[in-house]
Amino acid sequence: FNSQQQAAPEIPTNAGLTPSQSSILAALDAPRTLDQLAVELKLDAARLRADITMLEIRRRIARRGSKFERIGT
């Protein structure tokens, strides 16, 4: 047994996300509507909807009424 074993490297919580998906997660420090995200992030509606869908599928965000919020880690 080697007492000097290296710890496994940490996997970033945003691993596998596109830059725009990471931006969306960062912007969801509080629940926001789709319109609020579009204005704040300057993303076109199609790109934003696609990224939101992928984040929902990955269970990183959830829709609560008309707003989206981060869930999990």
PDB file of N, CA and C in Angstrom:
ATOM      1  N   PHE A   1       0.848  -1.192   0.000  1.00  0.00           N
ATOM      2  CA  PHE A   1       0.000   0.000   0.000  1.00  0.00           C
ATOM      3  C   PHE A   1       0.880   1.237   0.000  1.00  0.00           C
ATOM      4  N   ASN A   2       0.651   2.109  -0.897  1.00  0.00           N
ATOM      5  CA  ASN A   2       1.454   3.324  -1.034  1.00  0.00           C
ATOM      6  C   ASN A   2       0.705   4.487  -0.391  1.00  0.00           C
ATOM      7  N   SER A   3       1.249   5.007   0.694  1.00  0.00           N
ATOM      8  CA  SER A   3       0.571   6.089   1.410  1.00  0.00           C
ATOM      9  C   SER A   3       0.649   7.419   0.667  1.00  0.00           C
ATOM     10  N   GLN A   4       1.409   7.446  -0.411  1.00  0.00           N
ATOM     11  CA  GLN A   4       1.550   8.689  -1.169  1.00  0.00           C
ATOM     12  C   GLN A   4       0.778   8.631  -2.482  1.00  0.00           C
ATOM     13  N   GLN A   5      -0.311   7.877  -2.500  1.00  0.00           N
ATOM     14  CA  GLN A   5      -1.124   7.806  -3.705  1.00  0.00           C
ATOM     15  C   GLN A   5      -1.701   9.168  -4.017  1.00  0.00           C
ATOM     16  N   GLN A   6      -1.733   9.470  -5.290  1.00  0.00           N
ATOM     17  CA  GLN A   6      -2.298  10.756  -5.705  1.00  0.00           C
ATOM     18  C   GLN A   6      -3.814  10.650  -5.753  1.00  0.00           C
ATOM     19  N   ALA A   7      -4.444  11.716  -5.348  1.00  0.00           N
ATOM     20  CA  ALA A   7      -5.904  11.764  -5.424  1.00  0.00           C
ATOM     21  C   ALA A   7      -6.317  11.838  -6.888  1.00  0.00           C
ATOM     22  N   ALA A   8      -7.471  11.278  -7.177  1.00  0.00           N
ATOM     23  CA  ALA A   8      -7.989  11.354  -8.540  1.00  0.00           C
ATOM     24  C   ALA A   8      -8.246  12.807  -8.895  1.00  0.00           C
ATOM     25  N   PRO A   9      -7.952  13.186 -10.138  1.00  0.00           N
ATOM     26  CA  PRO A   9      -8.192  14.578 -10.519  1.00  0.00           C
ATOM     27  C   PRO A   9      -9.681  14.900 -10.454  1.00  0.00           C
ATOM     28  N   GLU A  10      -9.990  16.118 -10.047  1.00  0.00           N
ATOM     29  CA  GLU A  10     -11.387  16.538  -9.977  1.00  0.00           C
ATOM     30  C   GLU A  10     -11.911  16.795 -11.382  1.00  0.00           C
ATOM     31  N   ILE A  11     -13.126  16.358 -11.608  1.00  0.00           N
ATOM     32  CA  ILE A  11     -13.769  16.607 -12.891  1.00  0.00           C
ATOM     33  C   ILE A  11     -14.561  17.894 -12.752  1.00  0.00           C
ATOM     34  N   PRO A  12     -14.320  18.874 -13.625  1.00  0.00           N
ATOM     35  CA  PRO A  12     -15.071  20.124 -13.521  1.00  0.00           C
ATOM     36  C   PRO A  12     -16.567  19.861 -13.641  1.00  0.00           C
ATOM     37  N   THR A  13     -17.358  20.602 -12.890  1.00  0.00           N
ATOM     38  CA  THR A  13     -18.804  20.393 -12.916  1.00  0.00           C
ATOM     39  C   THR A  13     -19.403  20.739 -14.281  1.00  0.00           C
ATOM     40  N   ASN A  14     -18.710  21.533 -15.080  1.00  0.00           N
ATOM     41  CA  ASN A  14     -19.217  21.905 -16.397  1.00  0.00           C
ATOM     42  C   ASN A  14     -18.578  21.075 -17.500  1.00  0.00           C
ATOM     43  N   ALA A  15     -17.971  19.935 -17.140  1.00  0.00           N
ATOM     44  CA  ALA A  15     -17.338  19.076 -18.135  1.00  0.00           C
ATOM     45  C   ALA A  15     -18.364  18.634 -19.171  1.00  0.00           C
ATOM     46  N   GLY A  16     -17.983  18.706 -20.420  1.00  0.00           N
ATOM     47  CA  GLY A  16     -18.859  18.260 -21.492  1.00  0.00           C
ATOM     48  C   GLY A  16     -19.882  19.275 -21.955  1.00  0.00           C
ATOM     49  N   LEU A  17     -19.873  20.456 -21.371  1.00  0.00           N
ATOM     50  CA  LEU A  17     -20.827  21.496 -21.787  1.00  0.00           C
ATOM     51  C   LEU A  17     -20.174  22.431 -22.791  1.00  0.00           C
ATOM     52  N   THR A  18     -20.991  22.976 -23.664  1.00  0.00           N
ATOM     53  CA  THR A  18     -20.499  23.983 -24.598  1.00  0.00           C
ATOM     54  C   THR A  18     -20.291  25.296 -23.839  1.00  0.00           C
ATOM     55  N   PRO A  19     -19.534  26.222 -24.403  1.00  0.00           N
ATOM     56  CA  PRO A  19     -19.366  27.516 -23.738  1.00  0.00           C
ATOM     57  C   PRO A  19     -20.703  28.226 -23.475  1.00  0.00           C
ATOM     58  N   SER A  20     -21.637  28.135 -24.420  1.00  0.00           N
ATOM     59  CA  SER A  20     -22.917  28.818 -24.196  1.00  0.00           C
ATOM     60  C   SER A  20     -23.725  28.129 -23.095  1.00  0.00           C
ATOM     61  N   GLN A  21     -23.639  26.793 -23.001  1.00  0.00           N
ATOM     62  CA  GLN A  21     -24.333  26.095 -21.911  1.00  0.00           C
ATOM     63  C   GLN A  21     -23.724  26.463 -20.561  1.00  0.00           C
ATOM     64  N   SER A  22     -22.415  26.569 -20.508  1.00  0.00           N
ATOM     65  CA  SER A  22     -21.750  26.994 -19.274  1.00  0.00           C
ATOM     66  C   SER A  22     -22.165  28.411 -18.899  1.00  0.00           C
ATOM     67  N   SER A  23     -22.313  29.280 -19.897  1.00  0.00           N
ATOM     68  CA  SER A  23     -22.754  30.658 -19.645  1.00  0.00           C
ATOM     69  C   SER A  23     -24.170  30.691 -19.084  1.00  0.00           C
ATOM     70  N   ILE A  24     -25.015  29.836 -19.614  1.00  0.00           N
ATOM     71  CA  ILE A  24     -26.393  29.766 -19.120  1.00  0.00           C
ATOM     72  C   ILE A  24     -26.400  29.349 -17.652  1.00  0.00           C
ATOM     73  N   LEU A  25     -25.636  28.307 -17.326  1.00  0.00           N
ATOM     74  CA  LEU A  25     -25.565  27.871 -15.927  1.00  0.00           C
ATOM     75  C   LEU A  25     -25.064  28.983 -15.023  1.00  0.00           C
ATOM     76  N   ALA A  26     -24.051  29.694 -15.479  1.00  0.00           N
ATOM     77  CA  ALA A  26     -23.503  30.789 -14.669  1.00  0.00           C
ATOM     78  C   ALA A  26     -24.540  31.894 -14.474  1.00  0.00           C
ATOM     79  N   ALA A  27     -25.333  32.166 -15.503  1.00  0.00           N
ATOM     80  CA  ALA A  27     -26.344  33.221 -15.422  1.00  0.00           C
ATOM     81  C   ALA A  27     -27.500  32.840 -14.512  1.00  0.00           C
ATOM     82  N   LEU A  28     -27.676  31.545 -14.286  1.00  0.00           N
ATOM     83  CA  LEU A  28     -28.785  31.099 -13.446  1.00  0.00           C
ATOM     84  C   LEU A  28     -28.394  31.075 -11.969  1.00  0.00           C
ATOM     85  N   ASP A  29     -27.764  32.165 -11.528  1.00  0.00           N
ATOM     86  CA  ASP A  29     -27.478  32.317 -10.101  1.00  0.00           C
ATOM     87  C   ASP A  29     -28.774  32.596  -9.347  1.00  0.00           C
ATOM     88  N   ALA A  30     -29.788  32.962 -10.092  1.00  0.00           N
ATOM     89  CA  ALA A  30     -31.149  33.130  -9.596  1.00  0.00           C
ATOM     90  C   ALA A  30     -32.070  32.700 -10.738  1.00  0.00           C
ATOM     91  N   PRO A  31     -33.290  32.254 -10.442  1.00  0.00           N
ATOM     92  CA  PRO A  31     -34.204  31.846 -11.510  1.00  0.00           C
ATOM     93  C   PRO A  31     -34.423  32.979 -12.514  1.00  0.00           C
ATOM     94  N   ARG A  32     -34.437  32.641 -13.803  1.00  0.00           N
ATOM     95  CA  ARG A  32     -34.625  33.629 -14.868  1.00  0.00           C
ATOM     96  C   ARG A  32     -35.522  33.057 -15.958  1.00  0.00           C
ATOM     97  N   THR A  33     -36.196  33.970 -16.645  1.00  0.00           N
ATOM     98  CA  THR A  33     -37.018  33.576 -17.785  1.00  0.00           C
ATOM     99  C   THR A  33     -36.128  33.421 -19.013  1.00  0.00           C
ATOM    100  N   LEU A  34     -36.685  32.805 -20.042  1.00  0.00           N
ATOM    101  CA  LEU A  34     -35.978  32.661 -21.314  1.00  0.00           C
ATOM    102  C   LEU A  34     -35.606  34.030 -21.872  1.00  0.00           C
ATOM    103  N   ASP A  35     -36.520  34.981 -21.800  1.00  0.00           N
ATOM    104  CA  ASP A  35     -36.255  36.333 -22.308  1.00  0.00           C
ATOM    105  C   ASP A  35     -35.113  36.999 -21.537  1.00  0.00           C
ATOM    106  N   GLN A  36     -35.122  36.847 -20.224  1.00  0.00           N
ATOM    107  CA  GLN A  36     -34.047  37.439 -19.418  1.00  0.00           C
ATOM    108  C   GLN A  36     -32.693  36.845 -19.797  1.00  0.00           C
ATOM    109  N   LEU A  37     -32.646  35.527 -19.990  1.00  0.00           N
ATOM    110  CA  LEU A  37     -31.396  34.885 -20.384  1.00  0.00           C
ATOM    111  C   LEU A  37     -30.937  35.360 -21.759  1.00  0.00           C
ATOM    112  N   ALA A  38     -31.879  35.481 -22.699  1.00  0.00           N
ATOM    113  CA  ALA A  38     -31.526  35.916 -24.054  1.00  0.00           C
ATOM    114  C   ALA A  38     -30.914  37.305 -24.047  1.00  0.00           C
ATOM    115  N   VAL A  39     -31.500  38.202 -23.277  1.00  0.00           N
ATOM    116  CA  VAL A  39     -30.989  39.580 -23.208  1.00  0.00           C
ATOM    117  C   VAL A  39     -29.629  39.602 -22.516  1.00  0.00           C
ATOM    118  N   GLU A  40     -29.532  38.921 -21.381  1.00  0.00           N
ATOM    119  CA  GLU A  40     -28.295  38.948 -20.607  1.00  0.00           C
ATOM    120  C   GLU A  40     -27.130  38.296 -21.351  1.00  0.00           C
ATOM    121  N   LEU A  41     -27.404  37.168 -22.010  1.00  0.00           N
ATOM    122  CA  LEU A  41     -26.330  36.417 -22.655  1.00  0.00           C
ATOM    123  C   LEU A  41     -26.132  36.756 -24.130  1.00  0.00           C
ATOM    124  N   LYS A  42     -27.050  37.539 -24.672  1.00  0.00           N
ATOM    125  CA  LYS A  42     -26.987  37.928 -26.079  1.00  0.00           C
ATOM    126  C   LYS A  42     -26.923  36.711 -27.010  1.00  0.00           C
ATOM    127  N   LEU A  43     -27.762  35.717 -26.695  1.00  0.00           N
ATOM    128  CA  LEU A  43     -27.872  34.519 -27.520  1.00  0.00           C
ATOM    129  C   LEU A  43     -29.145  34.597 -28.345  1.00  0.00           C
ATOM    130  N   ASP A  44     -29.078  34.076 -29.583  1.00  0.00           N
ATOM    131  CA  ASP A  44     -30.302  34.061 -30.383  1.00  0.00           C
ATOM    132  C   ASP A  44     -31.240  32.996 -29.810  1.00  0.00           C
ATOM    133  N   ALA A  45     -32.517  33.157 -30.084  1.00  0.00           N
ATOM    134  CA  ALA A  45     -33.548  32.318 -29.470  1.00  0.00           C
ATOM    135  C   ALA A  45     -33.349  30.833 -29.776  1.00  0.00           C
ATOM    136  N   ALA A  46     -32.987  30.493 -31.006  1.00  0.00           N
ATOM    137  CA  ALA A  46     -32.819  29.087 -31.376  1.00  0.00           C
ATOM    138  C   ALA A  46     -31.672  28.444 -30.597  1.00  0.00           C
ATOM    139  N   ARG A  47     -30.541  29.125 -30.511  1.00  0.00           N
ATOM    140  CA  ARG A  47     -29.387  28.603 -29.768  1.00  0.00           C
ATOM    141  C   ARG A  47     -29.732  28.442 -28.289  1.00  0.00           C
ATOM    142  N   LEU A  48     -30.397  29.450 -27.723  1.00  0.00           N
ATOM    143  CA  LEU A  48     -30.763  29.416 -26.313  1.00  0.00           C
ATOM    144  C   LEU A  48     -31.711  28.260 -26.029  1.00  0.00           C
ATOM    145  N   ARG A  49     -32.741  28.083 -26.860  1.00  0.00           N
ATOM    146  CA  ARG A  49     -33.698  26.985 -26.646  1.00  0.00           C
ATOM    147  C   ARG A  49     -33.008  25.625 -26.750  1.00  0.00           C
ATOM    148  N   ALA A  50     -32.106  25.476 -27.715  1.00  0.00           N
ATOM    149  CA  ALA A  50     -31.379  24.210 -27.877  1.00  0.00           C
ATOM    150  C   ALA A  50     -30.517  23.920 -26.645  1.00  0.00           C
ATOM    151  N   ASP A  51     -29.804  24.941 -26.172  1.00  0.00           N
ATOM    152  CA  ASP A  51     -28.951  24.751 -24.997  1.00  0.00           C
ATOM    153  C   ASP A  51     -29.776  24.483 -23.746  1.00  0.00           C
ATOM    154  N   ILE A  52     -30.881  25.175 -23.587  1.00  0.00           N
ATOM    155  CA  ILE A  52     -31.770  24.953 -22.443  1.00  0.00           C
ATOM    156  C   ILE A  52     -32.276  23.508 -22.461  1.00  0.00           C
ATOM    157  N   THR A  53     -32.671  23.024 -23.623  1.00  0.00           N
ATOM    158  CA  THR A  53     -33.159  21.651 -23.747  1.00  0.00           C
ATOM    159  C   THR A  53     -32.085  20.654 -23.338  1.00  0.00           C
ATOM    160  N   MET A  54     -30.858  20.867 -23.811  1.00  0.00           N
ATOM    161  CA  MET A  54     -29.764  19.953 -23.453  1.00  0.00           C
ATOM    162  C   MET A  54     -29.479  19.991 -21.948  1.00  0.00           C
ATOM    163  N   LEU A  55     -29.518  21.162 -21.362  1.00  0.00           N
ATOM    164  CA  LEU A  55     -29.287  21.276 -19.921  1.00  0.00           C
ATOM    165  C   LEU A  55     -30.414  20.610 -19.121  1.00  0.00           C
ATOM    166  N   GLU A  56     -31.646  20.692 -19.638  1.00  0.00           N
ATOM    167  CA  GLU A  56     -32.760  20.006 -18.975  1.00  0.00           C
ATOM    168  C   GLU A  56     -32.588  18.488 -19.075  1.00  0.00           C
ATOM    169  N   ILE A  57     -32.190  18.000 -20.247  1.00  0.00           N
ATOM    170  CA  ILE A  57     -31.974  16.568 -20.443  1.00  0.00           C
ATOM    171  C   ILE A  57     -30.884  16.058 -19.502  1.00  0.00           C
ATOM    172  N   ARG A  58     -29.841  16.870 -19.333  1.00  0.00           N
ATOM    173  CA  ARG A  58     -28.737  16.490 -18.446  1.00  0.00           C
ATOM    174  C   ARG A  58     -29.066  16.727 -16.965  1.00  0.00           C
ATOM    175  N   ARG A  59     -30.263  17.217 -16.716  1.00  0.00           N
ATOM    176  CA  ARG A  59     -30.736  17.503 -15.347  1.00  0.00           C
ATOM    177  C   ARG A  59     -29.836  18.498 -14.622  1.00  0.00           C
ATOM    178  N   ARG A  60     -29.399  19.500 -15.359  1.00  0.00           N
ATOM    179  CA  ARG A  60     -28.599  20.571 -14.766  1.00  0.00           C
ATOM    180  C   ARG A  60     -29.465  21.772 -14.416  1.00  0.00           C
ATOM    181  N   ILE A  61     -30.604  21.908 -15.145  1.00  0.00           N
ATOM    182  CA  ILE A  61     -31.552  22.985 -14.877  1.00  0.00           C
ATOM    183  C   ILE A  61     -32.965  22.412 -14.921  1.00  0.00           C
ATOM    184  N   ALA A  62     -33.896  23.163 -14.347  1.00  0.00           N
ATOM    185  CA  ALA A  62     -35.306  22.764 -14.366  1.00  0.00           C
ATOM    186  C   ALA A  62     -36.155  23.997 -14.603  1.00  0.00           C
ATOM    187  N   ARG A  63     -37.278  23.774 -15.239  1.00  0.00           N
ATOM    188  CA  ARG A  63     -38.245  24.850 -15.461  1.00  0.00           C
ATOM    189  C   ARG A  63     -39.186  24.884 -14.272  1.00  0.00           C
ATOM    190  N   ARG A  64     -39.365  26.070 -13.719  1.00  0.00           N
ATOM    191  CA  ARG A  64     -40.314  26.277 -12.621  1.00  0.00           C
ATOM    192  C   ARG A  64     -41.246  27.395 -13.069  1.00  0.00           C
ATOM    193  N   GLY A  65     -42.406  27.006 -13.599  1.00  0.00           N
ATOM    194  CA  GLY A  65     -43.307  28.002 -14.176  1.00  0.00           C
ATOM    195  C   GLY A  65     -42.680  28.559 -15.436  1.00  0.00           C
ATOM    196  N   SER A  66     -42.504  29.871 -15.489  1.00  0.00           N
ATOM    197  CA  SER A  66     -41.905  30.491 -16.674  1.00  0.00           C
ATOM    198  C   SER A  66     -40.402  30.713 -16.515  1.00  0.00           C
ATOM    199  N   LYS A  67     -39.847  30.282 -15.384  1.00  0.00           N
ATOM    200  CA  LYS A  67     -38.424  30.522 -15.123  1.00  0.00           C
ATOM    201  C   LYS A  67     -37.637  29.220 -15.090  1.00  0.00           C
ATOM    202  N   PHE A  68     -36.343  29.361 -15.316  1.00  0.00           N
ATOM    203  CA  PHE A  68     -35.421  28.237 -15.239  1.00  0.00           C
ATOM    204  C   PHE A  68     -34.504  28.451 -14.050  1.00  0.00           C
ATOM    205  N   GLU A  69     -34.087  27.341 -13.432  1.00  0.00           N
ATOM    206  CA  GLU A  69     -33.149  27.456 -12.324  1.00  0.00           C
ATOM    207  C   GLU A  69     -32.197  26.265 -12.353  1.00  0.00           C
ATOM    208  N   ARG A  70     -31.023  26.460 -11.766  1.00  0.00           N
ATOM    209  CA  ARG A  70     -30.040  25.380 -11.655  1.00  0.00           C
ATOM    210  C   ARG A  70     -30.532  24.368 -10.639  1.00  0.00           C
ATOM    211  N   ILE A  71     -30.206  23.114 -10.890  1.00  0.00           N
ATOM    212  CA  ILE A  71     -30.506  22.060  -9.912  1.00  0.00           C
ATOM    213  C   ILE A  71     -29.256  21.211  -9.730  1.00  0.00           C
ATOM    214  N   GLY A  72     -29.207  20.467  -8.673  1.00  0.00           N
ATOM    215  CA  GLY A  72     -28.057  19.596  -8.426  1.00  0.00           C
ATOM    216  C   GLY A  72     -26.829  20.387  -8.098  1.00  0.00           C
ATOM    217  N   THR A  73     -25.682  19.887  -8.599  1.00  0.00           N
ATOM    218  CA  THR A  73     -24.402  20.525  -8.286  1.00  0.00           C
ATOM    219  C   THR A  73     -24.153  21.741  -9.113  1.00  0.00           C
TER     220      THR A  73
END
